[in-house]
Amino acid sequence: MGLDDRRLTSLPLFAGIREQDLPAMLQCLGSYCKTYKKNEIIFLESHKIRSIGVVLDGTVHMIKEDMEGYQTLLVSIGEREVFGETFACGSLIDARVSFLAARDCNILFLPFHKVLHSCKQTCAFHHRLIENMVRLIGDKNVQLMDKITVVSKRTLRDKILAYLRLQQEEQGKSSFTIPLGRMELAAYLCADRSALTRELSAMQQDGLILYQKNTFHLL
């Protein structure tokens, strides 16, 4: 499928790179696009990751599956965000997690070794691209730290409140909509869906929150 250069310039990974430089840059990097249906695996745990993925459309979930087959949602990756960079840029490129298309997705892939090393032409955009990548890796580490903060709470109620407070701070609104459905939120909190539903109802009855589907208000 064709790529909209104007749309690509709005991506954080390509910030500061001129629209007219994008076609040459993408060709230089050997980039390519691929589509995935909902629930299709993009990268499977233990497989080697050599390319960075950029979500153009859809949502990607970073998941970890235990020996019993239970899946934990580590990070939800939305449009304009990158994934796979932690493994592609490390000394061990075998994925420790799987990446799953949570919705129908259109993904732009960039081979990491070409992102990291300037080409023979020493393209002007290349250094800016590397700077953007380092910043995005830092942002992803913050997301994972937030996840640790949430799941380290002692009770399910405390985990829910910690997650909702993070979402409220991020969105800067008293009423806010979370990006996760009940099943996804349960997987993120490492909780049973039924237990989560009961606890949310109890928290509303106790006057801690108000919610309607995925829209919440902390009291």
Protein backbone atom coordinates (compact mmCIF):
# COMPACT_ATOMS: atom_id res chain seq x y z
CA MET A 1 0.00 0.00 0.00
CA GLY A 2 1.17 3.57 -0.61
CA LEU A 3 2.35 5.70 2.28
CA ASP A 4 1.11 9.21 2.97
CA ASP A 5 4.29 11.29 3.48
CA ARG A 6 2.37 14.03 5.28
CA ARG A 7 0.98 11.49 7.71
CA LEU A 8 4.42 9.99 8.30
CA THR A 9 5.93 13.37 9.23
CA SER A 10 3.46 13.51 12.16
CA LEU A 11 4.93 10.32 13.64
CA PRO A 12 7.21 10.93 16.67
CA LEU A 13 9.86 8.66 15.11
CA PHE A 14 10.12 11.00 12.11
CA ALA A 15 9.87 14.31 14.02
CA GLY A 16 12.07 17.00 12.50
CA ILE A 17 12.52 15.14 9.21
CA ARG A 18 11.27 17.03 6.17
CA GLU A 19 8.44 15.60 4.11
CA GLN A 20 10.53 15.73 0.95
CA ASP A 21 13.23 13.61 2.60
CA LEU A 22 10.87 10.79 3.59
CA PRO A 23 10.76 8.80 0.32
CA ALA A 24 14.57 8.68 0.11
CA MET A 25 14.85 7.84 3.79
CA LEU A 26 12.37 4.96 3.64
CA GLN A 27 14.08 3.57 0.54
CA CYS A 28 17.51 3.91 2.17
CA LEU A 29 16.30 2.05 5.27
CA GLY A 30 14.66 -0.75 3.31
CA SER A 31 11.32 -0.14 5.04
CA TYR A 32 8.18 -2.08 4.21
CA CYS A 33 4.54 -2.24 5.30
CA LYS A 34 2.51 -5.25 6.38
CA THR A 35 -1.08 -5.68 7.53
CA TYR A 36 -2.30 -7.97 10.31
CA LYS A 37 -5.75 -9.16 11.28
CA LYS A 38 -7.03 -8.94 14.87
CA ASN A 39 -5.38 -11.58 17.14
CA GLU A 40 -2.66 -12.33 14.57
CA ILE A 41 0.85 -12.72 15.96
CA ILE A 42 3.35 -10.12 14.72
CA PHE A 43 6.43 -11.29 16.64
CA LEU A 44 6.42 -14.54 18.61
CA GLU A 45 8.33 -15.02 21.85
CA SER A 46 11.81 -16.54 21.33
CA HIS A 47 11.89 -15.43 17.69
CA LYS A 48 14.56 -12.98 16.57
CA ILE A 49 13.49 -9.37 16.10
CA ARG A 50 15.55 -7.47 13.54
CA SER A 51 13.12 -4.68 12.66
CA ILE A 52 11.32 -1.93 14.52
CA GLY A 53 7.56 -1.76 14.03
CA VAL A 54 5.66 1.53 13.76
CA VAL A 55 1.89 1.30 14.25
CA LEU A 56 0.23 3.23 11.44
CA ASP A 57 -3.27 1.89 12.18
CA GLY A 58 -4.61 -0.33 14.95
CA THR A 59 -3.27 -1.44 18.33
CA VAL A 60 -0.50 -3.87 19.23
CA HIS A 61 -0.20 -5.66 22.57
CA MET A 62 3.07 -6.73 24.14
CA ILE A 63 2.19 -9.93 26.01
CA LYS A 64 3.96 -12.50 28.15
CA GLU A 65 2.62 -16.04 28.38
CA ASP A 66 3.44 -18.33 31.32
CA MET A 67 3.84 -22.12 31.35
CA GLU A 68 0.10 -22.59 31.95
CA GLY A 69 -0.81 -20.47 28.94
CA TYR A 70 -2.01 -17.44 30.94
CA GLN A 71 -1.25 -14.19 29.14
CA THR A 72 -0.23 -10.97 30.86
CA LEU A 73 -0.57 -7.70 29.00
CA LEU A 74 2.63 -5.71 29.53
CA VAL A 75 2.08 -2.68 27.28
CA SER A 76 -0.62 -1.57 24.86
CA ILE A 77 0.96 0.14 21.84
CA GLY A 78 -1.27 2.52 19.93
CA GLU A 79 -1.10 4.37 16.64
CA ARG A 80 2.07 6.43 16.02
CA GLU A 81 4.02 4.36 18.57
CA VAL A 82 6.91 1.94 17.99
CA PHE A 83 7.50 -1.60 19.23
CA GLY A 84 10.22 -4.25 19.11
CA GLU A 85 12.97 -1.65 19.58
CA THR A 86 14.03 -3.05 22.96
CA PHE A 87 14.98 -6.38 21.41
CA ALA A 88 16.11 -5.17 17.99
CA CYS A 89 18.69 -2.83 19.55
CA GLY A 90 19.90 -5.18 22.31
CA SER A 91 22.71 -7.72 22.32
CA LEU A 92 20.09 -10.49 22.63
CA ILE A 93 17.62 -10.11 19.76
CA ASP A 94 15.50 -13.12 20.76
CA ALA A 95 12.14 -11.71 21.89
CA ARG A 96 11.25 -12.33 25.53
CA VAL A 97 7.63 -11.45 24.78
CA SER A 98 5.14 -11.75 21.94
CA PHE A 99 3.56 -8.90 19.99
CA LEU A 100 -0.09 -9.41 19.04
CA ALA A 101 -2.42 -7.38 16.83
CA ALA A 102 -5.17 -6.41 19.28
CA ARG A 103 -7.08 -4.91 16.34
CA ASP A 104 -6.59 -4.96 12.58
CA CYS A 105 -3.21 -3.31 12.08
CA ASN A 106 -1.08 -1.68 9.42
CA ILE A 107 2.58 -1.75 10.47
CA LEU A 108 5.61 -0.01 8.99
CA PHE A 109 8.82 -2.00 9.57
CA LEU A 110 12.32 -0.51 9.65
CA PRO A 111 15.37 -2.84 9.77
CA PHE A 112 17.15 -1.72 12.95
CA HIS A 113 20.72 -2.15 11.72
CA LYS A 114 19.98 0.35 8.97
CA VAL A 115 18.43 2.77 11.45
CA LEU A 116 21.41 2.55 13.77
CA HIS A 117 24.19 2.88 11.18
CA SER A 118 24.42 5.85 8.85
CA CYS A 119 24.43 4.91 5.18
CA LYS A 120 27.29 5.65 2.80
CA GLN A 121 25.50 8.78 1.60
CA THR A 122 25.44 10.07 5.22
CA CYS A 123 21.87 11.25 4.80
CA ALA A 124 21.10 14.39 6.80
CA PHE A 125 17.96 12.85 8.31
CA HIS A 126 19.76 9.84 9.77
CA HIS A 127 21.14 11.47 12.91
CA ARG A 128 17.73 12.95 13.70
CA LEU A 129 16.13 9.55 13.26
CA ILE A 130 18.56 8.01 15.76
CA GLU A 131 17.85 10.81 18.27
CA ASN A 132 14.12 10.21 17.91
CA MET A 133 14.61 6.47 18.41
CA VAL A 134 16.57 6.96 21.64
CA ARG A 135 13.82 9.21 23.00
CA LEU A 136 11.11 6.67 22.12
CA ILE A 137 13.07 3.88 23.82
CA GLY A 138 13.15 6.05 26.94
CA ASP A 139 9.38 6.59 26.70
CA LYS A 140 8.79 2.83 26.45
CA ASN A 141 10.91 2.26 29.57
CA VAL A 142 8.69 4.74 31.43
CA GLN A 143 5.60 2.76 30.32
CA LEU A 144 7.13 -0.43 31.69
CA MET A 145 7.99 1.31 34.96
CA ASP A 146 4.37 2.45 35.22
CA LYS A 147 3.31 -1.16 34.74
CA ILE A 148 5.59 -2.25 37.61
CA THR A 149 4.18 0.53 39.81
CA VAL A 150 0.63 -0.66 39.17
CA VAL A 151 1.06 -4.43 39.56
CA SER A 152 3.26 -4.06 42.66
CA LYS A 153 0.26 -2.81 44.66
CA ARG A 154 -0.99 -5.27 47.27
CA THR A 155 -4.70 -5.45 46.43
CA LEU A 156 -6.72 -5.43 43.23
CA ARG A 157 -8.43 -2.21 44.32
CA ASP A 158 -5.08 -0.49 44.78
CA LYS A 159 -3.94 -1.74 41.35
CA ILE A 160 -7.08 -0.36 39.71
CA LEU A 161 -6.69 3.02 41.43
CA ALA A 162 -3.00 3.23 40.50
CA TYR A 163 -3.79 2.50 36.85
CA LEU A 164 -6.68 5.00 36.75
CA ARG A 165 -4.55 7.72 38.36
CA LEU A 166 -1.84 7.21 35.74
CA GLN A 167 -4.43 7.49 32.97
CA GLN A 168 -5.91 10.62 34.55
CA GLU A 169 -2.47 12.26 34.82
CA GLU A 170 -1.59 11.32 31.26
CA GLN A 171 -4.83 12.66 29.78
CA GLY A 172 -5.12 15.66 32.11
CA LYS A 173 -8.90 15.35 32.49
CA SER A 174 -11.20 14.72 35.44
CA SER A 175 -13.22 12.34 33.27
CA PHE A 176 -11.14 10.18 30.96
CA THR A 177 -11.47 7.14 28.71
CA ILE A 178 -9.04 4.27 29.17
CA PRO A 179 -7.72 2.47 26.06
CA LEU A 180 -8.30 -1.05 27.46
CA GLY A 181 -11.46 -3.14 27.51
CA ARG A 182 -12.31 -5.27 30.55
CA MET A 183 -10.51 -8.37 29.29
CA GLU A 184 -7.45 -6.32 28.36
CA LEU A 185 -7.46 -4.44 31.66
CA ALA A 186 -7.70 -7.71 33.60
CA ALA A 187 -4.69 -9.03 31.65
CA TYR A 188 -2.78 -5.79 32.35
CA LEU A 189 -3.52 -5.98 36.09
CA CYS A 190 -2.79 -9.73 36.23
CA ALA A 191 -6.32 -10.28 37.54
CA ASP A 192 -9.37 -12.38 36.79
CA ARG A 193 -11.93 -10.58 34.63
CA SER A 194 -14.85 -11.48 36.91
CA ALA A 195 -12.94 -10.28 39.96
CA LEU A 196 -12.13 -7.03 38.17
CA THR A 197 -15.78 -6.45 37.24
CA ARG A 198 -16.88 -7.08 40.84
CA GLU A 199 -14.23 -4.77 42.26
CA LEU A 200 -15.10 -1.93 39.88
CA SER A 201 -18.75 -2.21 40.92
CA ALA A 202 -17.77 -2.23 44.61
CA MET A 203 -15.52 0.81 44.14
CA GLN A 204 -18.38 2.72 42.55
CA GLN A 205 -20.70 1.76 45.40
CA ASP A 206 -18.06 2.90 47.90
CA GLY A 207 -17.88 6.31 46.22
CA LEU A 208 -14.34 5.99 44.89
CA ILE A 209 -15.09 6.13 41.18
CA LEU A 210 -17.82 6.71 38.65
CA TYR A 211 -17.66 4.88 35.35
CA GLN A 212 -19.65 4.12 32.23
CA LYS A 213 -18.04 1.46 30.06
CA ASN A 214 -14.46 2.73 29.53
CA THR A 215 -15.02 6.30 30.77
CA PHE A 216 -14.01 6.91 34.38
CA HIS A 217 -14.12 9.71 36.93
CA LEU A 218 -12.12 9.54 40.16
CA LEU A 219 -13.91 10.88 43.22
